[in-house]
C-alpha atoms as a PDB file:
ATOM      1  CA  MET A   1     111.258  34.479  93.748  1.00  0.00           C
ATOM      2  CA  VAL A   2     110.585  37.440  92.218  1.00  0.00           C
ATOM      3  CA  ASP A   3     113.617  40.008  92.434  1.00  0.00           C
ATOM      4  CA  ILE A   4     112.157  43.304  93.951  1.00  0.00           C
ATOM      5  CA  PHE A   5     113.485  46.515  91.420  1.00  0.00           C
ATOM      6  CA  GLN A   6     114.260  49.607  92.952  1.00  0.00           C
ATOM      7  CA  LEU A   7     112.093  52.344  91.186  1.00  0.00           C
ATOM      8  CA  PRO A   8     111.781  55.926  91.316  1.00  0.00           C
ATOM      9  CA  ALA A   9     109.093  57.454  93.196  1.00  0.00           C
ATOM     10  CA  ILE A  10     106.641  59.245  90.833  1.00  0.00           C
ATOM     11  CA  GLU A  11     105.936  62.810  91.822  1.00  0.00           C
ATOM     12  CA  PRO A  12     102.671  64.012  91.521  1.00  0.00           C
ATOM     13  CA  MET A  13     102.293  67.251  90.114  1.00  0.00           C
ATOM     14  CA  ALA A  14     101.219  69.827  92.666  1.00  0.00           C
ATOM     15  CA  ARG A  15      97.973  71.415  91.420  1.00  0.00           C
ATOM     16  CA  PRO A  16      96.478  74.552  93.259  1.00  0.00           C
ATOM     17  CA  SER A  17      94.226  73.641  96.161  1.00  0.00           C
ATOM     18  CA  VAL A  18      90.618  75.376  95.983  1.00  0.00           C
ATOM     19  CA  ALA A  19      91.483  77.142  98.646  1.00  0.00           C
ATOM     20  CA  ASP A  20      94.849  78.231  97.178  1.00  0.00           C
ATOM     21  CA  GLN A  21      92.712  79.336  94.216  1.00  0.00           C
ATOM     22  CA  VAL A  22      89.999  81.009  96.271  1.00  0.00           C
ATOM     23  CA  PHE A  23      92.967  82.999  98.516  1.00  0.00           C
ATOM     24  CA  GLU A  24      95.067  84.169  95.209  1.00  0.00           C
ATOM     25  CA  GLU A  25      91.872  85.442  93.791  1.00  0.00           C
ATOM     26  CA  LEU A  26      90.838  87.567  96.627  1.00  0.00           C
ATOM     27  CA  HIS A  27      94.689  88.688  97.645  1.00  0.00           C
ATOM     28  CA  ARG A  28      94.917  89.963  94.066  1.00  0.00           C
ATOM     29  CA  GLN A  29      91.933  91.826  94.746  1.00  0.00           C
ATOM     30  CA  VAL A  30      92.618  93.463  97.756  1.00  0.00           C
ATOM     31  CA  LEU A  31      96.080  93.846  96.633  1.00  0.00           C
ATOM     32  CA  SER A  32      94.673  95.759  93.431  1.00  0.00           C
ATOM     33  CA  LEU A  33      92.230  97.738  95.831  1.00  0.00           C
ATOM     34  CA  GLU A  34      89.115  95.465  93.513  1.00  0.00           C
ATOM     35  CA  LEU A  35      88.012  95.400  97.003  1.00  0.00           C
ATOM     36  CA  PRO A  36      89.044  98.585  98.834  1.00  0.00           C
ATOM     37  CA  PRO A  37      89.623  98.995 102.672  1.00  0.00           C
ATOM     38  CA  GLY A  38      86.337  98.646 104.240  1.00  0.00           C
ATOM     39  CA  ALA A  39      84.347  96.707 101.726  1.00  0.00           C
ATOM     40  CA  LYS A  40      82.650  94.028 103.278  1.00  0.00           C
ATOM     41  CA  LEU A  41      82.772  90.221 102.198  1.00  0.00           C
ATOM     42  CA  SER A  42      80.189  87.117 103.154  1.00  0.00           C
ATOM     43  CA  GLU A  43      81.774  83.664 103.097  1.00  0.00           C
ATOM     44  CA  ILE A  44      78.407  82.623 101.589  1.00  0.00           C
ATOM     45  CA  ASP A  45      78.345  85.380  99.209  1.00  0.00           C
ATOM     46  CA  VAL A  46      82.230  84.830  97.692  1.00  0.00           C
ATOM     47  CA  ALA A  47      81.273  80.913  98.007  1.00  0.00           C
ATOM     48  CA  ARG A  48      78.129  81.418  95.616  1.00  0.00           C
ATOM     49  CA  GLN A  49      80.163  83.610  93.099  1.00  0.00           C
ATOM     50  CA  MET A  50      82.942  81.350  92.707  1.00  0.00           C
ATOM     51  CA  GLY A  51      80.929  78.274  92.811  1.00  0.00           C
ATOM     52  CA  VAL A  52      82.414  76.784  95.801  1.00  0.00           C
ATOM     53  CA  SER A  53      82.140  75.715  99.184  1.00  0.00           C
ATOM     54  CA  ARG A  54      82.427  77.540 102.375  1.00  0.00           C
ATOM     55  CA  GLN A  55      85.200  75.733 103.641  1.00  0.00           C
ATOM     56  CA  PRO A  56      87.746  76.989 101.217  1.00  0.00           C
ATOM     57  CA  VAL A  57      86.662  80.475 101.424  1.00  0.00           C
ATOM     58  CA  ARG A  58      86.737  80.106 105.257  1.00  0.00           C
ATOM     59  CA  ASP A  59      89.839  79.409 104.964  1.00  0.00           C
ATOM     60  CA  ALA A  60      91.297  81.796 102.427  1.00  0.00           C
ATOM     61  CA  PHE A  61      89.712  84.510 104.608  1.00  0.00           C
ATOM     62  CA  TYR A  62      91.826  83.172 107.629  1.00  0.00           C
ATOM     63  CA  ARG A  63      95.136  83.614 105.915  1.00  0.00           C
ATOM     64  CA  LEU A  64      94.363  87.065 104.505  1.00  0.00           C
ATOM     65  CA  SER A  65      93.821  87.802 108.001  1.00  0.00           C
ATOM     66  CA  LYS A  66      97.269  86.445 109.084  1.00  0.00           C
ATOM     67  CA  LEU A  67      98.477  88.844 106.568  1.00  0.00           C
ATOM     68  CA  GLY A  68      96.445  92.067 107.885  1.00  0.00           C
ATOM     69  CA  PHE A  69      94.362  92.281 104.826  1.00  0.00           C
ATOM     70  CA  LEU A  70      90.839  90.903 106.779  1.00  0.00           C
ATOM     71  CA  GLN A  71      89.069  91.881 109.423  1.00  0.00           C
ATOM     72  CA  ILE A  72      87.091  88.529 110.680  1.00  0.00           C
ATOM     73  CA  ARG A  73      84.615  89.649 113.491  1.00  0.00           C
ATOM     74  CA  PRO A  74      82.764  86.935 114.775  1.00  0.00           C
ATOM     75  CA  GLN A  75      78.488  87.575 114.507  1.00  0.00           C
ATOM     76  CA  ARG A  76      80.128  90.548 112.363  1.00  0.00           C
ATOM     77  CA  ALA A  77      81.128  91.276 108.634  1.00  0.00           C
ATOM     78  CA  THR A  78      84.300  90.803 107.391  1.00  0.00           C
ATOM     79  CA  THR A  79      85.920  93.538 106.116  1.00  0.00           C
ATOM     80  CA  VAL A  80      88.952  94.631 104.190  1.00  0.00           C
ATOM     81  CA  SER A  81      91.141  96.257 106.572  1.00  0.00           C
ATOM     82  CA  GLN A  82      92.391 100.032 106.375  1.00  0.00           C
ATOM     83  CA  ILE A  83      95.972  99.937 105.505  1.00  0.00           C
ATOM     84  CA  SER A  84      97.986 101.111 108.884  1.00  0.00           C
ATOM     85  CA  ALA A  85     101.301 103.410 108.141  1.00  0.00           C
ATOM     86  CA  THR A  86     102.244 102.294 110.894  1.00  0.00           C
ATOM     87  CA  ASP A  87     102.188  98.727 109.895  1.00  0.00           C
ATOM     88  CA  VAL A  88     103.707 100.173 106.945  1.00  0.00           C
ATOM     89  CA  LEU A  89     106.524 101.492 107.793  1.00  0.00           C
ATOM     90  CA  ASN A  90     107.416  98.591 110.213  1.00  0.00           C
ATOM     91  CA  ALA A  91     107.320  96.049 107.353  1.00  0.00           C
ATOM     92  CA  ARG A  92     110.038  98.616 106.067  1.00  0.00           C
ATOM     93  CA  PHE A  93     111.816  98.551 108.575  1.00  0.00           C
ATOM     94  CA  VAL A  94     112.050  94.218 108.677  1.00  0.00           C
ATOM     95  CA  ARG A  95     112.807  94.676 104.794  1.00  0.00           C
ATOM     96  CA  THR A  96     115.389  97.470 105.075  1.00  0.00           C
ATOM     97  CA  SER A  97     117.075  94.968 108.193  1.00  0.00           C
ATOM     98  CA  LEU A  98     117.449  92.203 106.441  1.00  0.00           C
ATOM     99  CA  GLU A  99     117.719  92.937 102.697  1.00  0.00           C
ATOM    100  CA  ILE A 100     120.987  95.089 102.734  1.00  0.00           C
ATOM    101  CA  GLU A 101     122.136  92.452 104.848  1.00  0.00           C
ATOM    102  CA  ILE A 102     120.913  90.270 101.501  1.00  0.00           C
ATOM    103  CA  ILE A 103     122.474  92.766  99.148  1.00  0.00           C
ATOM    104  CA  ARG A 104     126.231  92.757 101.085  1.00  0.00           C
ATOM    105  CA  ILE A 105     126.004  88.594 100.335  1.00  0.00           C
ATOM    106  CA  ALA A 106     124.906  88.803  97.250  1.00  0.00           C
ATOM    107  CA  CYS A 107     127.409  91.020  95.840  1.00  0.00           C
ATOM    108  CA  ALA A 108     129.496  87.997  96.509  1.00  0.00           C
ATOM    109  CA  ALA A 109     127.639  85.221  96.009  1.00  0.00           C
ATOM    110  CA  LEU A 110     126.129  86.180  92.853  1.00  0.00           C
ATOM    111  CA  THR A 111     127.514  84.356  89.585  1.00  0.00           C
ATOM    112  CA  GLU A 112     127.185  85.798  86.046  1.00  0.00           C
ATOM    113  CA  ALA A 113     124.083  83.286  85.444  1.00  0.00           C
ATOM    114  CA  ASP A 114     122.343  85.012  88.004  1.00  0.00           C
ATOM    115  CA  PHE A 115     122.573  88.876  86.410  1.00  0.00           C
ATOM    116  CA  ALA A 116     121.806  87.520  83.490  1.00  0.00           C
ATOM    117  CA  ALA A 117     118.443  86.196  84.981  1.00  0.00           C
ATOM    118  CA  LEU A 118     118.075  89.737  87.149  1.00  0.00           C
ATOM    119  CA  ASP A 119     118.933  91.531  83.864  1.00  0.00           C
ATOM    120  CA  ALA A 120     116.205  89.763  82.052  1.00  0.00           C
ATOM    121  CA  LEU A 121     113.907  90.377  84.824  1.00  0.00           C
ATOM    122  CA  ILE A 122     114.778  93.985  84.390  1.00  0.00           C
ATOM    123  CA  ILE A 123     113.645  94.221  80.666  1.00  0.00           C
ATOM    124  CA  ALA A 124     110.808  92.400  81.761  1.00  0.00           C
ATOM    125  CA  GLN A 125     109.782  95.212  84.091  1.00  0.00           C
ATOM    126  CA  ASP A 126     110.972  97.956  81.789  1.00  0.00           C
ATOM    127  CA  ALA A 127     108.361  96.456  79.128  1.00  0.00           C
ATOM    128  CA  ALA A 128     105.648  96.540  81.846  1.00  0.00           C
ATOM    129  CA  VAL A 129     106.072  99.875  82.885  1.00  0.00           C
ATOM    130  CA  GLN A 130     105.908 101.038  79.317  1.00  0.00           C
ATOM    131  CA  GLY A 131     102.792  98.941  78.756  1.00  0.00           C
ATOM    132  CA  GLY A 132     101.334 100.383  81.408  1.00  0.00           C
ATOM    133  CA  ASP A 133     100.702  96.842  83.442  1.00  0.00           C
ATOM    134  CA  LYS A 134     100.931  97.414  87.070  1.00  0.00           C
ATOM    135  CA  GLY A 135      99.887  94.345  88.605  1.00  0.00           C
ATOM    136  CA  ARG A 136     102.701  92.807  85.759  1.00  0.00           C
ATOM    137  CA  PHE A 137     105.258  95.303  86.808  1.00  0.00           C
ATOM    138  CA  HIS A 138     104.076  94.625  90.700  1.00  0.00           C
ATOM    139  CA  ARG A 139     104.735  90.974  90.578  1.00  0.00           C
ATOM    140  CA  LEU A 140     108.134  91.167  88.885  1.00  0.00           C
ATOM    141  CA  ASP A 141     109.086  93.891  91.515  1.00  0.00           C
ATOM    142  CA  ASP A 142     108.656  91.246  94.072  1.00  0.00           C
ATOM    143  CA  LEU A 143     110.348  88.673  91.861  1.00  0.00           C
ATOM    144  CA  PHE A 144     113.617  90.608  91.544  1.00  0.00           C
ATOM    145  CA  HIS A 145     114.058  91.153  95.363  1.00  0.00           C
ATOM    146  CA  LYS A 146     112.961  87.366  95.618  1.00  0.00           C
ATOM    147  CA  GLU A 147     115.505  86.137  93.113  1.00  0.00           C
ATOM    148  CA  ILE A 148     118.786  88.277  95.192  1.00  0.00           C
ATOM    149  CA  CYS A 149     117.401  86.447  98.486  1.00  0.00           C
ATOM    150  CA  ASP A 150     117.259  82.815  96.666  1.00  0.00           C
ATOM    151  CA  ARG A 151     120.366  83.224  94.572  1.00  0.00           C
ATOM    152  CA  SER A 152     122.171  84.402  97.415  1.00  0.00           C
ATOM    153  CA  GLY A 153     121.083  81.329  99.700  1.00  0.00           C
ATOM    154  CA  MET A 154     118.871  83.458 101.613  1.00  0.00           C
ATOM    155  CA  GLY A 155     115.360  82.366 100.286  1.00  0.00           C
ATOM    156  CA  PHE A 156     114.114  81.716 103.974  1.00  0.00           C
ATOM    157  CA  ALA A 157     114.583  85.843 104.893  1.00  0.00           C
ATOM    158  CA  TRP A 158     112.381  86.058 101.567  1.00  0.00           C
ATOM    159  CA  GLU A 159     109.298  84.241 103.739  1.00  0.00           C
ATOM    160  CA  ILE A 160     109.844  86.608 106.743  1.00  0.00           C
ATOM    161  CA  ILE A 161     109.652  89.119 104.304  1.00  0.00           C
ATOM    162  CA  ARG A 162     106.496  88.401 102.563  1.00  0.00           C
ATOM    163  CA  GLU A 163     104.681  87.471 105.963  1.00  0.00           C
ATOM    164  CA  ASN A 164     105.093  91.068 106.960  1.00  0.00           C
ATOM    165  CA  LYS A 165     104.272  93.236 103.957  1.00  0.00           C
ATOM    166  CA  ALA A 166     100.680  92.775 103.344  1.00  0.00           C
ATOM    167  CA  HIS A 167      99.888  97.264 103.837  1.00  0.00           C
ATOM    168  CA  MET A 168     103.079  97.852 102.442  1.00  0.00           C
ATOM    169  CA  ASP A 169     101.706  95.667  98.950  1.00  0.00           C
ATOM    170  CA  ARG A 170      98.973  97.440  98.863  1.00  0.00           C
ATOM    171  CA  VAL A 171     100.954 101.441  99.200  1.00  0.00           C
ATOM    172  CA  ARG A 172     102.997 100.014  96.405  1.00  0.00           C
ATOM    173  CA  PHE A 173     100.379  98.719  94.107  1.00  0.00           C
ATOM    174  CA  LEU A 174      98.632 102.255  94.362  1.00  0.00           C
ATOM    175  CA  SER A 175     102.505 104.002  93.733  1.00  0.00           C
ATOM    176  CA  LEU A 176     102.315 102.263  90.279  1.00  0.00           C
ATOM    177  CA  ALA A 177     100.340 104.890  88.953  1.00  0.00           C
ATOM    178  CA  PHE A 178     103.408 107.566  89.630  1.00  0.00           C
ATOM    179  CA  ALA A 179     105.880 105.690  90.699  1.00  0.00           C
ATOM    180  CA  SER A 180     106.671 102.778  88.534  1.00  0.00           C
ATOM    181  CA  GLN A 181     109.619 104.308  86.631  1.00  0.00           C
ATOM    182  CA  ARG A 182     111.352 105.473  89.538  1.00  0.00           C
ATOM    183  CA  ALA A 183     111.390 101.680  91.086  1.00  0.00           C
ATOM    184  CA  LEU A 184     112.567 100.389  87.810  1.00  0.00           C
ATOM    185  CA  ASP A 185     115.684 103.027  87.855  1.00  0.00           C
ATOM    186  CA  ASP A 186     116.519 102.130  91.380  1.00  0.00           C
ATOM    187  CA  HIS A 187     116.278  98.090  90.775  1.00  0.00           C
ATOM    188  CA  LYS A 188     118.915  99.230  87.866  1.00  0.00           C
ATOM    189  CA  ILE A 189     120.875 100.799  90.358  1.00  0.00           C
ATOM    190  CA  ILE A 190     121.240  97.876  92.575  1.00  0.00           C
ATOM    191  CA  LEU A 191     121.792  95.727  89.664  1.00  0.00           C
ATOM    192  CA  ASP A 192     124.726  97.695  88.580  1.00  0.00           C
ATOM    193  CA  ALA A 193     126.274  97.994  91.910  1.00  0.00           C
ATOM    194  CA  LEU A 194     125.703  94.112  92.832  1.00  0.00           C
ATOM    195  CA  LYS A 195     127.843  93.737  88.826  1.00  0.00           C
ATOM    196  CA  ALA A 196     130.531  95.987  90.497  1.00  0.00           C
ATOM    197  CA  ARG A 197     131.130  94.034  93.739  1.00  0.00           C
ATOM    198  CA  ASP A 198     130.557  97.241  95.608  1.00  0.00           C
ATOM    199  CA  VAL A 199     129.111  96.726  98.523  1.00  0.00           C
ATOM    200  CA  GLU A 200     128.309 100.122 100.271  1.00  0.00           C
ATOM    201  CA  ALA A 201     126.939 101.280  96.959  1.00  0.00           C
ATOM    202  CA  ALA A 202     124.516  98.268  96.660  1.00  0.00           C
ATOM    203  CA  ALA A 203     123.389  98.448 100.688  1.00  0.00           C
ATOM    204  CA  ALA A 204     123.258 102.330  99.938  1.00  0.00           C
ATOM    205  CA  ALA A 205     121.216 101.908  96.757  1.00  0.00           C
ATOM    206  CA  MET A 206     118.858  99.114  98.705  1.00  0.00           C
ATOM    207  CA  ARG A 207     118.330 101.280 101.352  1.00  0.00           C
ATOM    208  CA  GLU A 208     117.112 104.370  98.946  1.00  0.00           C
ATOM    209  CA  HIS A 209     114.966 102.481  97.386  1.00  0.00           C
ATOM    210  CA  LEU A 210     113.095 101.088 100.466  1.00  0.00           C
ATOM    211  CA  SER A 211     113.135 104.203 102.352  1.00  0.00           C
ATOM    212  CA  ARG A 212     110.724 106.316  99.535  1.00  0.00           C
ATOM    213  CA  ILE A 213     107.621 104.286 101.344  1.00  0.00           C
ATOM    214  CA  GLN A 214     107.824 107.312 103.952  1.00  0.00           C
ATOM    215  CA  GLY A 215     106.693 109.816 100.499  1.00  0.00           C
ATOM    216  CA  ILE A 216     104.778 107.473  98.907  1.00  0.00           C
ATOM    217  CA  ILE A 217     102.318 107.121 102.212  1.00  0.00           C
ATOM    218  CA  ASP A 218     102.034 110.744 102.893  1.00  0.00           C
ATOM    219  CA  ARG A 219     101.396 111.349  99.127  1.00  0.00           C
ATOM    220  CA  ILE A 220      98.593 108.481  98.886  1.00  0.00           C
ATOM    221  CA  ARG A 221      97.311 109.266 102.449  1.00  0.00           C
ATOM    222  CA  SER A 222      96.113 112.759 101.851  1.00  0.00           C
ATOM    223  CA  GLU A 223      94.435 111.250  97.731  1.00  0.00           C
ATOM    224  CA  HIS A 224      92.412 108.106  99.543  1.00  0.00           C
ATOM    225  CA  HIS A 225      91.886 109.482 103.597  1.00  0.00           C
ATOM    226  CA  ALA A 226      89.458 106.928 104.412  1.00  0.00           C
ATOM    227  CA  TRP A 227      91.510 104.474 103.594  1.00  0.00           C
ATOM    228  CA  PHE A 228      94.241 104.748 105.978  1.00  0.00           C
ATOM    229  CA  GLU A 229      93.623 103.947 109.600  1.00  0.00           C
ATOM    230  CA  ASP A 230      93.514 107.070 112.212  1.00  0.00           C
ATOM    231  CA  GLU A 231      97.096 106.629 114.118  1.00  0.00           C
ATOM    232  CA  GLU A 232      98.275 109.443 116.432  1.00  0.00           C
END
């Protein structure tokens, strides 16, 4: 009888699906305002331009609609949603509530290795600001917050935040034309408070950082009123 050997399972290499690739590209263009609020999209046109079938485009449209980026109306054009100031402020509330609690945990949980990783992110953000690379800074900004969550053992909370901040992301991206240095300075203050294990200072710094979105909304809405929903 042949002996049965115990062999490790081979992990398949994860590759993004076609639907994932379509989603990521459309997400990038909506976030960067290359596809501005009100822009019309068609499954047929997107599929033709990207060289894919309609099904992955349909899947990507659905995911974007769940994030609040697209309005899909049967028998009518799919459009990029306008920015809702109410939704932005609701997302700010969710973020503030979660991230202040997480920052309190982080003050005790983070290690020197964690601080070194966050320092590296600050250096990369500084380079993005100096180079005027808004897209890279935005990704690094998100990563800074995500890493604090993950390294505090609260990674699940970032998924909740991510699902609620689509409208907020577009406003934040637009703000980088005039507020990226301020955001970077805020991150440095937050990290310094974390290193000092100063819970109250870290929480206050995070609250101040996230509260800036109100002033940003007012400025951007005055410049791009048509991109925002009319809300009482």
